Amino acid sequence: MTGYRLLVVDDDRGNCALVSKMLSDQGYEVDVANDGPTALDMIETNPYDLVVLDYQMPGMDGVELYRRISERHPEIVGVFLTAFTTLDTVYPAIAAGVKRVLAKPVNRAELLPLVEEIVGRP
């Protein structure tokens, strides 16, 4: 294991499983949350280097979740995954401080080099 801890947050369990497997296959330690409140609880009890967030989730969207995360843990870098890559989604995400917004479906060739750039090589 790398010692790098990542949290994947998405209400789509299939996408969570896909991204989690993609990252853990590279040697990263990966946890999964399917909603914002669960992610916030996990972040309070586990040290994470990176959080990969879905943009649209019921209850608490990814922008609100990342704002809450960065208020308490500004060292945690955020990357958004969204099926809706428009200015209406990208701008609020960047304004919240995320490193990058990537389009769904997840592109392995985009995600893995970005994660390596942010946290280091597994």
N, C-alpha and C. Protein backbone atom coordinates (compact mmCIF):
# COMPACT_ATOMS: atom_id res chain seq x y z
N MET A 1 0.83 -1.19 0.00
CA MET A 1 0.00 0.00 0.00
C MET A 1 0.87 1.25 0.00
N THR A 2 0.33 2.33 -0.54
CA THR A 2 1.08 3.57 -0.71
C THR A 2 1.11 4.42 0.53
N GLY A 3 0.13 4.28 1.37
CA GLY A 3 -0.03 5.21 2.46
C GLY A 3 -0.90 6.39 2.06
N TYR A 4 -1.24 6.52 0.79
CA TYR A 4 -2.14 7.57 0.33
C TYR A 4 -3.57 7.08 0.48
N ARG A 5 -4.39 7.88 1.17
CA ARG A 5 -5.79 7.50 1.40
C ARG A 5 -6.69 8.39 0.58
N LEU A 6 -7.60 7.75 -0.12
CA LEU A 6 -8.54 8.44 -0.98
C LEU A 6 -9.95 8.07 -0.57
N LEU A 7 -10.86 9.02 -0.72
CA LEU A 7 -12.27 8.79 -0.44
C LEU A 7 -13.05 9.08 -1.71
N VAL A 8 -13.86 8.12 -2.13
CA VAL A 8 -14.73 8.27 -3.29
C VAL A 8 -16.15 8.45 -2.78
N VAL A 9 -16.81 9.53 -3.21
CA VAL A 9 -18.16 9.84 -2.76
C VAL A 9 -19.07 9.96 -3.98
N ASP A 10 -20.03 9.05 -4.06
CA ASP A 10 -20.98 9.06 -5.18
C ASP A 10 -22.21 8.28 -4.76
N ASP A 11 -23.39 8.81 -5.07
CA ASP A 11 -24.62 8.09 -4.73
C ASP A 11 -24.88 6.93 -5.67
N ASP A 12 -24.19 6.89 -6.80
CA ASP A 12 -24.28 5.78 -7.74
C ASP A 12 -23.28 4.71 -7.29
N ARG A 13 -23.80 3.65 -6.70
CA ARG A 13 -22.93 2.61 -6.13
C ARG A 13 -22.06 1.94 -7.19
N GLY A 14 -22.59 1.81 -8.39
CA GLY A 14 -21.81 1.21 -9.47
C GLY A 14 -20.61 2.07 -9.84
N ASN A 15 -20.81 3.37 -9.93
CA ASN A 15 -19.72 4.27 -10.24
C ASN A 15 -18.71 4.30 -9.11
N CYS A 16 -19.21 4.27 -7.88
CA CYS A 16 -18.32 4.23 -6.71
C CYS A 16 -17.42 2.99 -6.79
N ALA A 17 -18.03 1.87 -7.08
CA ALA A 17 -17.27 0.61 -7.16
C ALA A 17 -16.23 0.68 -8.28
N LEU A 18 -16.62 1.23 -9.43
CA LEU A 18 -15.70 1.34 -10.56
C LEU A 18 -14.50 2.21 -10.24
N VAL A 19 -14.75 3.40 -9.71
CA VAL A 19 -13.66 4.33 -9.39
C VAL A 19 -12.80 3.77 -8.26
N SER A 20 -13.44 3.20 -7.26
CA SER A 20 -12.71 2.62 -6.14
C SER A 20 -11.77 1.51 -6.61
N LYS A 21 -12.28 0.63 -7.45
CA LYS A 21 -11.45 -0.47 -7.96
C LYS A 21 -10.30 0.06 -8.82
N MET A 22 -10.60 1.03 -9.66
CA MET A 22 -9.59 1.62 -10.52
C MET A 22 -8.43 2.17 -9.68
N LEU A 23 -8.76 2.85 -8.59
CA LEU A 23 -7.73 3.45 -7.74
C LEU A 23 -7.04 2.43 -6.85
N SER A 24 -7.79 1.50 -6.28
CA SER A 24 -7.17 0.50 -5.41
C SER A 24 -6.29 -0.45 -6.21
N ASP A 25 -6.64 -0.71 -7.46
CA ASP A 25 -5.78 -1.54 -8.32
C ASP A 25 -4.42 -0.90 -8.54
N GLN A 26 -4.35 0.42 -8.40
CA GLN A 26 -3.08 1.13 -8.55
C GLN A 26 -2.28 1.17 -7.24
N GLY A 27 -2.89 0.67 -6.15
CA GLY A 27 -2.18 0.63 -4.89
C GLY A 27 -2.62 1.66 -3.87
N TYR A 28 -3.60 2.48 -4.21
CA TYR A 28 -4.09 3.47 -3.25
C TYR A 28 -5.04 2.82 -2.26
N GLU A 29 -5.07 3.35 -1.05
CA GLU A 29 -6.05 2.92 -0.05
C GLU A 29 -7.31 3.74 -0.30
N VAL A 30 -8.42 3.07 -0.57
CA VAL A 30 -9.64 3.75 -1.00
C VAL A 30 -10.81 3.36 -0.11
N ASP A 31 -11.52 4.37 0.37
CA ASP A 31 -12.79 4.18 1.08
C ASP A 31 -13.89 4.77 0.22
N VAL A 32 -15.12 4.36 0.51
CA VAL A 32 -16.28 4.78 -0.28
C VAL A 32 -17.37 5.29 0.65
N ALA A 33 -18.03 6.37 0.22
CA ALA A 33 -19.24 6.87 0.90
C ALA A 33 -20.27 7.13 -0.19
N ASN A 34 -21.53 6.87 0.12
CA ASN A 34 -22.57 7.06 -0.88
C ASN A 34 -23.41 8.31 -0.65
N ASP A 35 -23.01 9.13 0.33
CA ASP A 35 -23.72 10.39 0.54
C ASP A 35 -22.82 11.33 1.33
N GLY A 36 -23.21 12.60 1.32
CA GLY A 36 -22.41 13.63 1.97
C GLY A 36 -22.23 13.46 3.47
N PRO A 37 -23.32 13.24 4.23
CA PRO A 37 -23.14 13.09 5.68
C PRO A 37 -22.21 11.93 6.06
N THR A 38 -22.30 10.82 5.35
CA THR A 38 -21.40 9.70 5.62
C THR A 38 -19.96 10.10 5.33
N ALA A 39 -19.75 10.80 4.22
CA ALA A 39 -18.40 11.25 3.86
C ALA A 39 -17.84 12.17 4.94
N LEU A 40 -18.65 13.11 5.43
CA LEU A 40 -18.18 14.02 6.48
C LEU A 40 -17.79 13.26 7.74
N ASP A 41 -18.59 12.26 8.12
CA ASP A 41 -18.25 11.44 9.29
C ASP A 41 -16.93 10.71 9.08
N MET A 42 -16.74 10.15 7.90
CA MET A 42 -15.52 9.40 7.61
C MET A 42 -14.30 10.30 7.64
N ILE A 43 -14.44 11.52 7.14
CA ILE A 43 -13.32 12.46 7.10
C ILE A 43 -12.91 12.89 8.51
N GLU A 44 -13.85 12.91 9.42
CA GLU A 44 -13.52 13.29 10.80
C GLU A 44 -12.75 12.19 11.52
N THR A 45 -12.84 10.96 11.06
CA THR A 45 -12.18 9.85 11.76
C THR A 45 -11.03 9.22 10.98
N ASN A 46 -10.83 9.65 9.73
CA ASN A 46 -9.77 9.07 8.89
C ASN A 46 -9.02 10.18 8.17
N PRO A 47 -7.71 10.06 8.06
CA PRO A 47 -6.95 11.06 7.29
C PRO A 47 -7.01 10.73 5.79
N TYR A 48 -7.46 11.67 4.99
CA TYR A 48 -7.51 11.48 3.54
C TYR A 48 -6.65 12.53 2.85
N ASP A 49 -6.04 12.11 1.74
CA ASP A 49 -5.25 13.01 0.93
C ASP A 49 -6.08 13.61 -0.20
N LEU A 50 -7.06 12.85 -0.65
CA LEU A 50 -7.84 13.24 -1.82
C LEU A 50 -9.26 12.71 -1.68
N VAL A 51 -10.23 13.53 -2.11
CA VAL A 51 -11.61 13.07 -2.18
C VAL A 51 -12.08 13.25 -3.62
N VAL A 52 -12.63 12.17 -4.17
CA VAL A 52 -13.19 12.18 -5.52
C VAL A 52 -14.71 12.21 -5.34
N LEU A 53 -15.34 13.30 -5.78
CA LEU A 53 -16.74 13.55 -5.50
C LEU A 53 -17.61 13.57 -6.75
N ASP A 54 -18.80 13.05 -6.60
CA ASP A 54 -19.83 13.25 -7.61
C ASP A 54 -20.36 14.66 -7.42
N TYR A 55 -20.79 15.28 -8.49
CA TYR A 55 -21.33 16.63 -8.39
C TYR A 55 -22.77 16.61 -7.90
N GLN A 56 -23.61 15.81 -8.55
CA GLN A 56 -25.02 15.78 -8.20
C GLN A 56 -25.34 14.58 -7.33
N MET A 57 -25.73 14.86 -6.08
CA MET A 57 -26.14 13.82 -5.15
C MET A 57 -27.35 14.34 -4.40
N PRO A 58 -28.26 13.46 -4.01
CA PRO A 58 -29.42 13.93 -3.25
C PRO A 58 -29.02 14.40 -1.85
N GLY A 59 -29.74 15.39 -1.36
CA GLY A 59 -29.50 15.86 0.00
C GLY A 59 -28.42 16.91 0.09
N MET A 60 -27.22 16.58 -0.34
CA MET A 60 -26.09 17.50 -0.30
C MET A 60 -25.27 17.29 -1.56
N ASP A 61 -25.20 18.32 -2.41
CA ASP A 61 -24.44 18.15 -3.64
C ASP A 61 -22.94 18.21 -3.36
N GLY A 62 -22.16 17.89 -4.36
CA GLY A 62 -20.72 17.82 -4.19
C GLY A 62 -20.07 19.14 -3.84
N VAL A 63 -20.63 20.25 -4.35
CA VAL A 63 -20.06 21.56 -4.03
C VAL A 63 -20.21 21.86 -2.54
N GLU A 64 -21.41 21.66 -2.01
CA GLU A 64 -21.63 21.90 -0.58
C GLU A 64 -20.76 20.96 0.26
N LEU A 65 -20.68 19.71 -0.15
CA LEU A 65 -19.86 18.75 0.58
C LEU A 65 -18.40 19.18 0.59
N TYR A 66 -17.87 19.58 -0.57
CA TYR A 66 -16.46 19.96 -0.60
C TYR A 66 -16.22 21.24 0.20
N ARG A 67 -17.16 22.16 0.18
CA ARG A 67 -17.00 23.37 1.01
C ARG A 67 -16.88 22.98 2.49
N ARG A 68 -17.73 22.07 2.92
CA ARG A 68 -17.68 21.64 4.33
C ARG A 68 -16.38 20.91 4.65
N ILE A 69 -15.95 20.07 3.71
CA ILE A 69 -14.68 19.35 3.92
C ILE A 69 -13.53 20.34 4.03
N SER A 70 -13.46 21.29 3.10
CA SER A 70 -12.30 22.19 3.08
C SER A 70 -12.31 23.19 4.23
N GLU A 71 -13.48 23.47 4.81
CA GLU A 71 -13.52 24.32 6.00
C GLU A 71 -12.78 23.67 7.16
N ARG A 72 -12.99 22.38 7.33
CA ARG A 72 -12.38 21.65 8.46
C ARG A 72 -11.02 21.06 8.11
N HIS A 73 -10.84 20.69 6.83
CA HIS A 73 -9.62 20.01 6.40
C HIS A 73 -9.14 20.57 5.06
N PRO A 74 -8.57 21.77 5.08
CA PRO A 74 -8.16 22.41 3.83
C PRO A 74 -7.06 21.65 3.08
N GLU A 75 -6.41 20.72 3.75
CA GLU A 75 -5.34 19.95 3.11
C GLU A 75 -5.88 18.85 2.19
N ILE A 76 -7.16 18.53 2.28
CA ILE A 76 -7.73 17.47 1.44
C ILE A 76 -8.09 18.06 0.07
N VAL A 77 -7.49 17.51 -0.95
CA VAL A 77 -7.72 17.96 -2.32
C VAL A 77 -8.99 17.31 -2.86
N GLY A 78 -9.74 18.05 -3.66
CA GLY A 78 -10.97 17.53 -4.24
C GLY A 78 -10.91 17.45 -5.75
N VAL A 79 -11.48 16.38 -6.30
CA VAL A 79 -11.65 16.21 -7.73
C VAL A 79 -13.11 15.83 -7.94
N PHE A 80 -13.77 16.52 -8.86
CA PHE A 80 -15.17 16.23 -9.16
C PHE A 80 -15.29 15.34 -10.38
N LEU A 81 -16.26 14.45 -10.32
CA LEU A 81 -16.69 13.66 -11.47
C LEU A 81 -18.15 14.01 -11.70
N THR A 82 -18.50 14.36 -12.92
CA THR A 82 -19.88 14.72 -13.20
C THR A 82 -20.28 14.39 -14.63
N ALA A 83 -21.53 14.06 -14.79
CA ALA A 83 -22.09 13.84 -16.12
C ALA A 83 -22.52 15.16 -16.73
N PHE A 84 -22.46 16.23 -15.94
CA PHE A 84 -22.96 17.53 -16.38
C PHE A 84 -21.83 18.56 -16.39
N THR A 85 -20.97 18.51 -17.39
CA THR A 85 -19.83 19.43 -17.46
C THR A 85 -20.23 20.69 -18.23
N THR A 86 -20.97 21.55 -17.56
CA THR A 86 -21.35 22.84 -18.11
C THR A 86 -20.77 23.93 -17.21
N LEU A 87 -20.82 25.17 -17.67
CA LEU A 87 -20.34 26.26 -16.83
C LEU A 87 -21.10 26.33 -15.51
N ASP A 88 -22.38 25.94 -15.54
CA ASP A 88 -23.19 25.96 -14.32
C ASP A 88 -22.71 24.95 -13.27
N THR A 89 -22.00 23.93 -13.70
CA THR A 89 -21.47 22.96 -12.74
C THR A 89 -19.98 23.16 -12.50
N VAL A 90 -19.23 23.46 -13.55
CA VAL A 90 -17.78 23.59 -13.42
C VAL A 90 -17.40 24.81 -12.59
N TYR A 91 -18.02 25.95 -12.86
CA TYR A 91 -17.65 27.18 -12.14
C TYR A 91 -17.85 27.06 -10.62
N PRO A 92 -19.02 26.62 -10.14
CA PRO A 92 -19.17 26.48 -8.69
C PRO A 92 -18.17 25.49 -8.07
N ALA A 93 -17.84 24.44 -8.79
CA ALA A 93 -16.88 23.46 -8.28
C ALA A 93 -15.49 24.09 -8.14
N ILE A 94 -15.06 24.81 -9.16
CA ILE A 94 -13.76 25.47 -9.11
C ILE A 94 -13.76 26.55 -8.03
N ALA A 95 -14.87 27.30 -7.93
CA ALA A 95 -14.98 28.33 -6.90
C ALA A 95 -14.90 27.73 -5.50
N ALA A 96 -15.37 26.49 -5.34
CA ALA A 96 -15.30 25.81 -4.04
C ALA A 96 -13.89 25.32 -3.74
N GLY A 97 -13.01 25.33 -4.75
CA GLY A 97 -11.62 24.97 -4.52
C GLY A 97 -11.17 23.62 -5.03
N VAL A 98 -12.01 22.94 -5.79
CA VAL A 98 -11.58 21.63 -6.30
C VAL A 98 -10.45 21.80 -7.30
N LYS A 99 -9.63 20.78 -7.39
CA LYS A 99 -8.47 20.80 -8.28
C LYS A 99 -8.88 20.68 -9.74
N ARG A 100 -9.83 19.80 -10.01
CA ARG A 100 -10.24 19.54 -11.39
C ARG A 100 -11.64 18.97 -11.42
N VAL A 101 -12.33 19.21 -12.54
CA VAL A 101 -13.64 18.62 -12.80
C VAL A 101 -13.49 17.72 -14.01
N LEU A 102 -13.81 16.43 -13.83
CA LEU A 102 -13.72 15.45 -14.91
C LEU A 102 -15.12 14.97 -15.28
N ALA A 103 -15.29 14.66 -16.55
CA ALA A 103 -16.58 14.19 -17.05
C ALA A 103 -16.76 12.70 -16.81
N LYS A 104 -18.02 12.32 -16.54
CA LYS A 104 -18.38 10.91 -16.52
C LYS A 104 -18.79 10.53 -17.93
N PRO A 105 -18.63 9.31 -18.34
CA PRO A 105 -18.08 8.21 -17.55
C PRO A 105 -16.59 8.41 -17.28
N VAL A 106 -16.15 7.81 -16.21
CA VAL A 106 -14.78 7.97 -15.75
C VAL A 106 -13.81 7.50 -16.83
N ASN A 107 -12.84 8.36 -17.12
CA ASN A 107 -11.81 8.03 -18.09
C ASN A 107 -10.53 7.72 -17.32
N ARG A 108 -10.16 6.47 -17.34
CA ARG A 108 -8.98 5.99 -16.61
C ARG A 108 -7.72 6.80 -16.98
N ALA A 109 -7.58 7.11 -18.26
CA ALA A 109 -6.40 7.83 -18.75
C ALA A 109 -6.36 9.28 -18.24
N GLU A 110 -7.49 9.81 -17.81
CA GLU A 110 -7.51 11.15 -17.22
C GLU A 110 -7.36 11.09 -15.70
N LEU A 111 -8.10 10.18 -15.08
CA LEU A 111 -8.15 10.12 -13.63
C LEU A 111 -6.83 9.68 -12.99
N LEU A 112 -6.26 8.60 -13.46
CA LEU A 112 -5.07 8.06 -12.80
C LEU A 112 -3.87 9.01 -12.83
N PRO A 113 -3.54 9.64 -13.97
CA PRO A 113 -2.43 10.60 -13.94
C PRO A 113 -2.72 11.81 -13.05
N LEU A 114 -3.98 12.22 -12.99
CA LEU A 114 -4.34 13.35 -12.13
C LEU A 114 -4.14 12.99 -10.67
N VAL A 115 -4.60 11.82 -10.27
CA VAL A 115 -4.43 11.37 -8.87
C VAL A 115 -2.95 11.26 -8.55
N GLU A 116 -2.17 10.72 -9.47
CA GLU A 116 -0.73 10.61 -9.24
C GLU A 116 -0.09 11.99 -9.10
N GLU A 117 -0.53 12.94 -9.91
CA GLU A 117 -0.01 14.31 -9.82
C GLU A 117 -0.34 14.94 -8.46
N ILE A 118 -1.53 14.67 -7.96
CA ILE A 118 -1.97 15.29 -6.72
C ILE A 118 -1.33 14.66 -5.50
N VAL A 119 -1.37 13.34 -5.39
CA VAL A 119 -0.91 12.70 -4.16
C VAL A 119 0.41 11.96 -4.29
N GLY A 120 0.80 11.64 -5.50
CA GLY A 120 2.05 10.92 -5.68
C GLY A 120 1.84 9.57 -6.33
N ARG A 121 2.92 8.99 -6.72
CA ARG A 121 2.91 7.71 -7.41
C ARG A 121 2.69 6.58 -6.42
N PRO A 122 1.80 5.65 -6.79
CA PRO A 122 1.58 4.51 -5.88
C PRO A 122 2.79 3.59 -5.83
